[in-house]
């Protein structure tokens, strides 16, 4: 019998897991894996640590040069290991922008100024998305996973994503409040510590809430779809049920 699927092409089994030509399953990388996993996250904090330490030892100019050197070293390491350089490039651009502002103003604490105001913007945008009934956690999650916007039609699903979105808004708000206070207090060293401590650890906790909301929403939608399916089956059964013959008498 001739194969209907050309040899060498990717296939998908009934479970929805894509199969590679060799027969093994292909699993899409998670966002954490795409960014290099936990080591990749740690690499992105190194320029901040280097800036704070160098600033205390070498001054502002030395700190800027050191942060750049560390960011370039991270990029080179990822190239050597044949890993994605996108996180390193983004980190380098972030260092360049922050260092440029710090160099322009002549103040080391201004290295953190962009991140502080981005935190405020994040808190406002995520909170506003809940108010207008478009919770960003749901929009982004379902957009990335390709699950569409069916969840928006269900009030309970929206409520789950409201909670997840407000969790992310709380993370951004906490970052802004704490780091703005340290900025006003000229605590450059503590600013660096707060940026790291309130960065990926807090974001990871908020993403756990997003994952919880996604699971609850998926179960809810499956339950609603199953209820609709049963209702359609009952309606079909009633539609095709035989009608009694004219004049027939039902037994008493």
C-alpha atoms as a PDB file:
ATOM      1  CA  UNK A   1       0.000   0.000   0.000  1.00  0.00           C
ATOM      2  CA  UNK A   2       1.314   3.434  -0.904  1.00  0.00           C
ATOM      3  CA  UNK A   3       1.831   5.806   2.008  1.00  0.00           C
ATOM      4  CA  UNK A   4      -0.513   8.782   1.949  1.00  0.00           C
ATOM      5  CA  UNK A   5       2.037  10.893   3.814  1.00  0.00           C
ATOM      6  CA  UNK A   6       5.332  11.458   1.958  1.00  0.00           C
ATOM      7  CA  UNK A   7       8.318   9.911   3.592  1.00  0.00           C
ATOM      8  CA  UNK A   8      10.476  12.330   5.519  1.00  0.00           C
ATOM      9  CA  UNK A   9       7.642  14.708   6.357  1.00  0.00           C
ATOM     10  CA  UNK A  10       6.607  15.632   9.879  1.00  0.00           C
ATOM     11  CA  UNK A  11       3.489  13.963  11.215  1.00  0.00           C
ATOM     12  CA  UNK A  12       1.189  14.457  14.129  1.00  0.00           C
ATOM     13  CA  UNK A  13      -0.296  11.597  16.081  1.00  0.00           C
ATOM     14  CA  UNK A  14      -3.756  11.525  17.564  1.00  0.00           C
ATOM     15  CA  UNK A  15      -2.534  12.967  20.830  1.00  0.00           C
ATOM     16  CA  UNK A  16      -1.495  16.188  19.081  1.00  0.00           C
ATOM     17  CA  UNK A  17       2.227  15.624  19.618  1.00  0.00           C
ATOM     18  CA  UNK A  18       4.185  16.457  16.524  1.00  0.00           C
ATOM     19  CA  UNK A  19       6.420  13.686  15.248  1.00  0.00           C
ATOM     20  CA  UNK A  20       9.825  14.236  13.755  1.00  0.00           C
ATOM     21  CA  UNK A  21      10.883  12.305  10.617  1.00  0.00           C
ATOM     22  CA  UNK A  22      12.862   9.893  12.802  1.00  0.00           C
ATOM     23  CA  UNK A  23       9.746   8.967  14.721  1.00  0.00           C
ATOM     24  CA  UNK A  24      10.486  10.822  17.952  1.00  0.00           C
ATOM     25  CA  UNK A  25       8.058  13.381  19.333  1.00  0.00           C
ATOM     26  CA  UNK A  26       8.817  17.062  18.916  1.00  0.00           C
ATOM     27  CA  UNK A  27       8.017  19.266  21.900  1.00  0.00           C
ATOM     28  CA  UNK A  28       7.848  23.014  21.504  1.00  0.00           C
ATOM     29  CA  UNK A  29      10.229  24.812  23.808  1.00  0.00           C
ATOM     30  CA  UNK A  30       8.759  26.715  26.700  1.00  0.00           C
ATOM     31  CA  UNK A  31       9.426  30.419  27.064  1.00  0.00           C
ATOM     32  CA  UNK A  32      11.925  29.712  29.861  1.00  0.00           C
ATOM     33  CA  UNK A  33      13.792  27.254  27.633  1.00  0.00           C
ATOM     34  CA  UNK A  34      13.863  29.738  24.757  1.00  0.00           C
ATOM     35  CA  UNK A  35      15.569  32.229  27.057  1.00  0.00           C
ATOM     36  CA  UNK A  36      18.205  29.707  28.095  1.00  0.00           C
ATOM     37  CA  UNK A  37      16.511  28.302  31.182  1.00  0.00           C
ATOM     38  CA  UNK A  38      17.627  29.299  34.651  1.00  0.00           C
ATOM     39  CA  UNK A  39      21.275  29.842  33.533  1.00  0.00           C
ATOM     40  CA  UNK A  40      20.025  32.224  30.849  1.00  0.00           C
ATOM     41  CA  UNK A  41      18.085  34.203  33.437  1.00  0.00           C
ATOM     42  CA  UNK A  42      21.174  34.377  35.655  1.00  0.00           C
ATOM     43  CA  UNK A  43      23.315  35.559  32.749  1.00  0.00           C
ATOM     44  CA  UNK A  44      20.987  38.517  32.233  1.00  0.00           C
ATOM     45  CA  UNK A  45      21.492  39.674  35.832  1.00  0.00           C
ATOM     46  CA  UNK A  46      25.288  39.669  35.576  1.00  0.00           C
ATOM     47  CA  UNK A  47      25.590  43.144  33.956  1.00  0.00           C
ATOM     48  CA  UNK A  48      23.587  44.644  36.834  1.00  0.00           C
ATOM     49  CA  UNK A  49      25.790  42.984  39.446  1.00  0.00           C
ATOM     50  CA  UNK A  50      28.900  44.054  37.553  1.00  0.00           C
ATOM     51  CA  UNK A  51      27.678  47.652  37.325  1.00  0.00           C
ATOM     52  CA  UNK A  52      26.971  47.945  41.044  1.00  0.00           C
ATOM     53  CA  UNK A  53      30.276  46.373  42.108  1.00  0.00           C
ATOM     54  CA  UNK A  54      32.351  48.317  39.579  1.00  0.00           C
ATOM     55  CA  UNK A  55      30.655  51.574  40.527  1.00  0.00           C
ATOM     56  CA  UNK A  56      31.791  51.187  44.129  1.00  0.00           C
ATOM     57  CA  UNK A  57      35.361  50.370  43.050  1.00  0.00           C
ATOM     58  CA  UNK A  58      35.964  52.201  39.768  1.00  0.00           C
ATOM     59  CA  UNK A  59      33.394  54.954  39.630  1.00  0.00           C
ATOM     60  CA  UNK A  60      30.654  55.590  37.093  1.00  0.00           C
ATOM     61  CA  UNK A  61      32.706  55.357  33.896  1.00  0.00           C
ATOM     62  CA  UNK A  62      34.372  52.159  35.050  1.00  0.00           C
ATOM     63  CA  UNK A  63      30.970  50.708  35.947  1.00  0.00           C
ATOM     64  CA  UNK A  64      29.571  51.494  32.488  1.00  0.00           C
ATOM     65  CA  UNK A  65      32.549  49.887  30.748  1.00  0.00           C
ATOM     66  CA  UNK A  66      32.361  46.835  33.024  1.00  0.00           C
ATOM     67  CA  UNK A  67      28.625  46.346  32.441  1.00  0.00           C
ATOM     68  CA  UNK A  68      29.179  46.528  28.677  1.00  0.00           C
ATOM     69  CA  UNK A  69      32.057  44.053  28.867  1.00  0.00           C
ATOM     70  CA  UNK A  70      30.003  41.561  30.865  1.00  0.00           C
ATOM     71  CA  UNK A  71      27.031  41.865  28.481  1.00  0.00           C
ATOM     72  CA  UNK A  72      29.341  41.251  25.499  1.00  0.00           C
ATOM     73  CA  UNK A  73      30.929  38.282  27.273  1.00  0.00           C
ATOM     74  CA  UNK A  74      27.494  36.751  27.851  1.00  0.00           C
ATOM     75  CA  UNK A  75      26.690  37.142  24.147  1.00  0.00           C
ATOM     76  CA  UNK A  76      30.001  35.551  23.150  1.00  0.00           C
ATOM     77  CA  UNK A  77      29.405  32.645  25.529  1.00  0.00           C
ATOM     78  CA  UNK A  78      25.972  31.961  24.052  1.00  0.00           C
ATOM     79  CA  UNK A  79      27.438  32.068  20.546  1.00  0.00           C
ATOM     80  CA  UNK A  80      30.165  29.606  21.503  1.00  0.00           C
ATOM     81  CA  UNK A  81      27.599  27.270  23.059  1.00  0.00           C
ATOM     82  CA  UNK A  82      25.344  27.679  19.977  1.00  0.00           C
ATOM     83  CA  UNK A  83      22.483  28.993  22.071  1.00  0.00           C
ATOM     84  CA  UNK A  84      19.949  31.643  21.093  1.00  0.00           C
ATOM     85  CA  UNK A  85      21.553  35.079  21.296  1.00  0.00           C
ATOM     86  CA  UNK A  86      18.218  36.943  21.368  1.00  0.00           C
ATOM     87  CA  UNK A  87      18.221  37.257  25.192  1.00  0.00           C
ATOM     88  CA  UNK A  88      21.847  38.422  25.120  1.00  0.00           C
ATOM     89  CA  UNK A  89      21.106  40.994  22.406  1.00  0.00           C
ATOM     90  CA  UNK A  90      18.132  42.312  24.363  1.00  0.00           C
ATOM     91  CA  UNK A  91      20.287  42.453  27.484  1.00  0.00           C
ATOM     92  CA  UNK A  92      23.015  44.336  25.633  1.00  0.00           C
ATOM     93  CA  UNK A  93      20.537  46.872  24.272  1.00  0.00           C
ATOM     94  CA  UNK A  94      19.099  47.325  27.753  1.00  0.00           C
ATOM     95  CA  UNK A  95      22.568  47.904  29.199  1.00  0.00           C
ATOM     96  CA  UNK A  96      23.366  50.388  26.422  1.00  0.00           C
ATOM     97  CA  UNK A  97      20.202  52.397  27.023  1.00  0.00           C
ATOM     98  CA  UNK A  98      20.482  52.412  30.812  1.00  0.00           C
ATOM     99  CA  UNK A  99      24.199  53.165  30.760  1.00  0.00           C
ATOM    100  CA  UNK A 100      23.635  55.955  28.241  1.00  0.00           C
ATOM    101  CA  UNK A 101      21.180  57.697  30.553  1.00  0.00           C
ATOM    102  CA  UNK A 102      23.504  57.212  33.524  1.00  0.00           C
ATOM    103  CA  UNK A 103      26.452  58.626  31.574  1.00  0.00           C
ATOM    104  CA  UNK A 104      24.362  61.577  30.345  1.00  0.00           C
ATOM    105  CA  UNK A 105      23.176  62.547  33.814  1.00  0.00           C
ATOM    106  CA  UNK A 106      26.437  61.647  35.554  1.00  0.00           C
ATOM    107  CA  UNK A 107      24.570  59.686  38.228  1.00  0.00           C
ATOM    108  CA  UNK A 108      25.006  55.951  38.796  1.00  0.00           C
ATOM    109  CA  UNK A 109      21.495  55.559  40.200  1.00  0.00           C
ATOM    110  CA  UNK A 110      20.020  56.679  36.880  1.00  0.00           C
ATOM    111  CA  UNK A 111      21.175  53.345  35.447  1.00  0.00           C
ATOM    112  CA  UNK A 112      18.005  51.943  37.050  1.00  0.00           C
ATOM    113  CA  UNK A 113      15.684  54.804  36.096  1.00  0.00           C
ATOM    114  CA  UNK A 114      14.284  53.214  32.926  1.00  0.00           C
ATOM    115  CA  UNK A 115      13.432  49.983  34.718  1.00  0.00           C
ATOM    116  CA  UNK A 116      11.676  51.887  37.505  1.00  0.00           C
ATOM    117  CA  UNK A 117       9.383  53.761  35.148  1.00  0.00           C
ATOM    118  CA  UNK A 118       8.768  50.692  33.015  1.00  0.00           C
ATOM    119  CA  UNK A 119       7.538  48.996  36.194  1.00  0.00           C
ATOM    120  CA  UNK A 120       5.070  51.815  36.761  1.00  0.00           C
ATOM    121  CA  UNK A 121       3.898  51.583  33.156  1.00  0.00           C
ATOM    122  CA  UNK A 122       3.462  47.821  33.493  1.00  0.00           C
ATOM    123  CA  UNK A 123       1.364  48.193  36.645  1.00  0.00           C
ATOM    124  CA  UNK A 124      -0.902  50.769  34.990  1.00  0.00           C
ATOM    125  CA  UNK A 125      -1.333  48.855  31.716  1.00  0.00           C
ATOM    126  CA  UNK A 126      -2.064  45.488  33.354  1.00  0.00           C
ATOM    127  CA  UNK A 127      -4.550  47.030  35.787  1.00  0.00           C
ATOM    128  CA  UNK A 128      -6.265  48.977  33.004  1.00  0.00           C
ATOM    129  CA  UNK A 129      -6.640  45.815  30.928  1.00  0.00           C
ATOM    130  CA  UNK A 130      -8.699  44.273  33.740  1.00  0.00           C
ATOM    131  CA  UNK A 131     -10.879  47.381  34.011  1.00  0.00           C
ATOM    132  CA  UNK A 132     -11.704  47.293  30.277  1.00  0.00           C
ATOM    133  CA  UNK A 133     -12.385  43.517  30.474  1.00  0.00           C
ATOM    134  CA  UNK A 134      -9.388  42.580  28.341  1.00  0.00           C
ATOM    135  CA  UNK A 135      -7.037  40.994  30.920  1.00  0.00           C
ATOM    136  CA  UNK A 136      -3.581  40.945  29.367  1.00  0.00           C
ATOM    137  CA  UNK A 137      -2.601  37.650  30.965  1.00  0.00           C
ATOM    138  CA  UNK A 138      -5.362  35.924  29.020  1.00  0.00           C
ATOM    139  CA  UNK A 139      -4.735  37.798  25.783  1.00  0.00           C
ATOM    140  CA  UNK A 140      -1.012  37.054  25.796  1.00  0.00           C
ATOM    141  CA  UNK A 141      -1.245  33.442  26.992  1.00  0.00           C
ATOM    142  CA  UNK A 142      -3.967  32.411  24.561  1.00  0.00           C
ATOM    143  CA  UNK A 143      -2.369  34.390  21.752  1.00  0.00           C
ATOM    144  CA  UNK A 144       0.995  32.678  22.216  1.00  0.00           C
ATOM    145  CA  UNK A 145      -0.534  29.212  22.577  1.00  0.00           C
ATOM    146  CA  UNK A 146      -2.917  29.755  19.659  1.00  0.00           C
ATOM    147  CA  UNK A 147      -6.054  28.938  21.654  1.00  0.00           C
ATOM    148  CA  UNK A 148      -8.028  31.885  20.322  1.00  0.00           C
ATOM    149  CA  UNK A 149     -10.348  34.161  22.280  1.00  0.00           C
ATOM    150  CA  UNK A 150     -13.169  31.781  23.227  1.00  0.00           C
ATOM    151  CA  UNK A 151     -12.267  32.322  26.879  1.00  0.00           C
ATOM    152  CA  UNK A 152     -13.363  35.964  26.645  1.00  0.00           C
ATOM    153  CA  UNK A 153     -16.968  34.878  26.116  1.00  0.00           C
ATOM    154  CA  UNK A 154     -17.067  33.113  29.487  1.00  0.00           C
ATOM    155  CA  UNK A 155     -17.327  35.252  32.614  1.00  0.00           C
ATOM    156  CA  UNK A 156     -15.621  32.705  34.867  1.00  0.00           C
ATOM    157  CA  UNK A 157     -12.668  32.280  32.502  1.00  0.00           C
ATOM    158  CA  UNK A 158     -12.226  36.042  32.383  1.00  0.00           C
ATOM    159  CA  UNK A 159     -12.279  36.088  36.176  1.00  0.00           C
ATOM    160  CA  UNK A 160      -9.400  33.570  36.300  1.00  0.00           C
ATOM    161  CA  UNK A 161      -7.332  35.707  33.968  1.00  0.00           C
ATOM    162  CA  UNK A 162      -8.300  38.847  35.881  1.00  0.00           C
ATOM    163  CA  UNK A 163      -6.626  37.332  38.945  1.00  0.00           C
ATOM    164  CA  UNK A 164      -3.516  36.414  36.951  1.00  0.00           C
ATOM    165  CA  UNK A 165      -3.312  39.873  35.380  1.00  0.00           C
ATOM    166  CA  UNK A 166      -3.663  41.600  38.754  1.00  0.00           C
ATOM    167  CA  UNK A 167      -0.890  39.359  40.115  1.00  0.00           C
ATOM    168  CA  UNK A 168       1.413  40.645  37.363  1.00  0.00           C
ATOM    169  CA  UNK A 169       0.263  44.209  38.030  1.00  0.00           C
ATOM    170  CA  UNK A 170       1.105  43.752  41.718  1.00  0.00           C
ATOM    171  CA  UNK A 171       4.632  42.621  40.816  1.00  0.00           C
ATOM    172  CA  UNK A 172       5.203  45.712  38.668  1.00  0.00           C
ATOM    173  CA  UNK A 173       3.692  47.989  41.319  1.00  0.00           C
ATOM    174  CA  UNK A 174       5.885  46.499  44.070  1.00  0.00           C
ATOM    175  CA  UNK A 175       8.979  46.968  41.935  1.00  0.00           C
ATOM    176  CA  UNK A 176       8.115  50.602  41.296  1.00  0.00           C
ATOM    177  CA  UNK A 177       7.324  51.483  44.915  1.00  0.00           C
ATOM    178  CA  UNK A 178      10.425  49.851  46.419  1.00  0.00           C
ATOM    179  CA  UNK A 179      12.902  50.883  43.734  1.00  0.00           C
ATOM    180  CA  UNK A 180      11.580  54.430  43.487  1.00  0.00           C
ATOM    181  CA  UNK A 181      12.033  54.777  47.251  1.00  0.00           C
ATOM    182  CA  UNK A 182      15.611  53.483  47.005  1.00  0.00           C
ATOM    183  CA  UNK A 183      16.239  55.818  44.057  1.00  0.00           C
ATOM    184  CA  UNK A 184      15.041  58.827  46.042  1.00  0.00           C
ATOM    185  CA  UNK A 185      17.259  57.676  48.921  1.00  0.00           C
ATOM    186  CA  UNK A 186      20.355  57.492  46.636  1.00  0.00           C
ATOM    187  CA  UNK A 187      20.865  53.830  47.532  1.00  0.00           C
ATOM    188  CA  UNK A 188      22.523  52.667  44.317  1.00  0.00           C
ATOM    189  CA  UNK A 189      23.806  49.403  45.773  1.00  0.00           C
ATOM    190  CA  UNK A 190      20.437  48.455  47.223  1.00  0.00           C
ATOM    191  CA  UNK A 191      18.831  49.445  43.932  1.00  0.00           C
ATOM    192  CA  UNK A 192      20.890  46.796  42.194  1.00  0.00           C
ATOM    193  CA  UNK A 193      19.960  44.230  44.819  1.00  0.00           C
ATOM    194  CA  UNK A 194      16.261  45.115  44.582  1.00  0.00           C
ATOM    195  CA  UNK A 195      16.306  44.933  40.787  1.00  0.00           C
ATOM    196  CA  UNK A 196      17.659  41.377  40.929  1.00  0.00           C
ATOM    197  CA  UNK A 197      15.627  40.154  43.913  1.00  0.00           C
ATOM    198  CA  UNK A 198      12.375  41.634  42.597  1.00  0.00           C
ATOM    199  CA  UNK A 199      13.058  40.590  39.016  1.00  0.00           C
ATOM    200  CA  UNK A 200      12.739  36.987  37.909  1.00  0.00           C
ATOM    201  CA  UNK A 201      11.866  35.521  41.336  1.00  0.00           C
ATOM    202  CA  UNK A 202       8.741  37.694  41.671  1.00  0.00           C
ATOM    203  CA  UNK A 203       7.920  37.312  37.999  1.00  0.00           C
ATOM    204  CA  UNK A 204       8.172  33.536  38.374  1.00  0.00           C
ATOM    205  CA  UNK A 205       5.607  33.592  41.170  1.00  0.00           C
ATOM    206  CA  UNK A 206       3.238  35.688  39.077  1.00  0.00           C
ATOM    207  CA  UNK A 207       3.647  33.327  36.122  1.00  0.00           C
ATOM    208  CA  UNK A 208       2.599  30.463  38.379  1.00  0.00           C
ATOM    209  CA  UNK A 209      -0.676  32.325  38.872  1.00  0.00           C
ATOM    210  CA  UNK A 210      -0.977  32.733  35.097  1.00  0.00           C
ATOM    211  CA  UNK A 211      -0.437  28.984  34.629  1.00  0.00           C
ATOM    212  CA  UNK A 212      -3.096  28.298  37.286  1.00  0.00           C
ATOM    213  CA  UNK A 213      -5.541  30.571  35.478  1.00  0.00           C
ATOM    214  CA  UNK A 214      -4.812  28.900  32.147  1.00  0.00           C
ATOM    215  CA  UNK A 215      -5.449  25.424  33.574  1.00  0.00           C
ATOM    216  CA  UNK A 216      -8.692  26.457  35.257  1.00  0.00           C
ATOM    217  CA  UNK A 217      -9.859  28.236  32.118  1.00  0.00           C
ATOM    218  CA  UNK A 218      -9.085  25.216  29.924  1.00  0.00           C
ATOM    219  CA  UNK A 219     -11.006  22.891  32.239  1.00  0.00           C
ATOM    220  CA  UNK A 220     -13.905  25.319  32.345  1.00  0.00           C
ATOM    221  CA  UNK A 221     -14.093  25.577  28.546  1.00  0.00           C
ATOM    222  CA  UNK A 222     -13.904  21.807  28.174  1.00  0.00           C
ATOM    223  CA  UNK A 223     -16.764  21.400  30.661  1.00  0.00           C
ATOM    224  CA  UNK A 224     -18.884  23.997  28.854  1.00  0.00           C
ATOM    225  CA  UNK A 225     -18.203  22.381  25.481  1.00  0.00           C
ATOM    226  CA  UNK A 226     -19.098  18.954  26.868  1.00  0.00           C
ATOM    227  CA  UNK A 227     -22.374  20.330  28.241  1.00  0.00           C
ATOM    228  CA  UNK A 228     -23.186  21.873  24.861  1.00  0.00           C
ATOM    229  CA  UNK A 229     -22.349  18.600  23.106  1.00  0.00           C
ATOM    230  CA  UNK A 230     -24.709  16.643  25.354  1.00  0.00           C
ATOM    231  CA  UNK A 231     -27.444  19.203  24.809  1.00  0.00           C
ATOM    232  CA  UNK A 232     -27.013  18.893  21.038  1.00  0.00           C
ATOM    233  CA  UNK A 233     -27.222  15.105  21.309  1.00  0.00           C
ATOM    234  CA  UNK A 234     -30.437  15.337  23.341  1.00  0.00           C
ATOM    235  CA  UNK A 235     -31.913  17.781  20.823  1.00  0.00           C
ATOM    236  CA  UNK A 236     -31.010  15.455  17.949  1.00  0.00           C
ATOM    237  CA  UNK A 237     -32.549  12.489  19.754  1.00  0.00           C
ATOM    238  CA  UNK A 238     -35.800  14.386  20.338  1.00  0.00           C
ATOM    239  CA  UNK A 239     -35.855  15.528  16.723  1.00  0.00           C
ATOM    240  CA  UNK A 240     -35.554  11.977  15.367  1.00  0.00           C
ATOM    241  CA  UNK A 241     -37.856  10.338  17.921  1.00  0.00           C
ATOM    242  CA  UNK A 242     -40.793   8.473  16.208  1.00  0.00           C
ATOM    243  CA  UNK A 243     -44.151  10.211  16.433  1.00  0.00           C
ATOM    244  CA  UNK A 244     -47.222   8.156  17.468  1.00  0.00           C
ATOM    245  CA  UNK A 245     -49.510   7.106  14.615  1.00  0.00           C
ATOM    246  CA  UNK A 246     -52.717   9.142  14.174  1.00  0.00           C
ATOM    247  CA  UNK A 247     -55.558   7.714  16.198  1.00  0.00           C
ATOM    248  CA  UNK A 248     -53.257   5.597  18.320  1.00  0.00           C
ATOM    249  CA  UNK A 249     -54.268   5.319  21.924  1.00  0.00           C
ATOM    250  CA  UNK A 250     -51.703   5.307  24.677  1.00  0.00           C
ATOM    251  CA  UNK A 251     -52.211   2.579  27.290  1.00  0.00           C
ATOM    252  CA  UNK A 252     -53.632   3.874  30.490  1.00  0.00           C
END
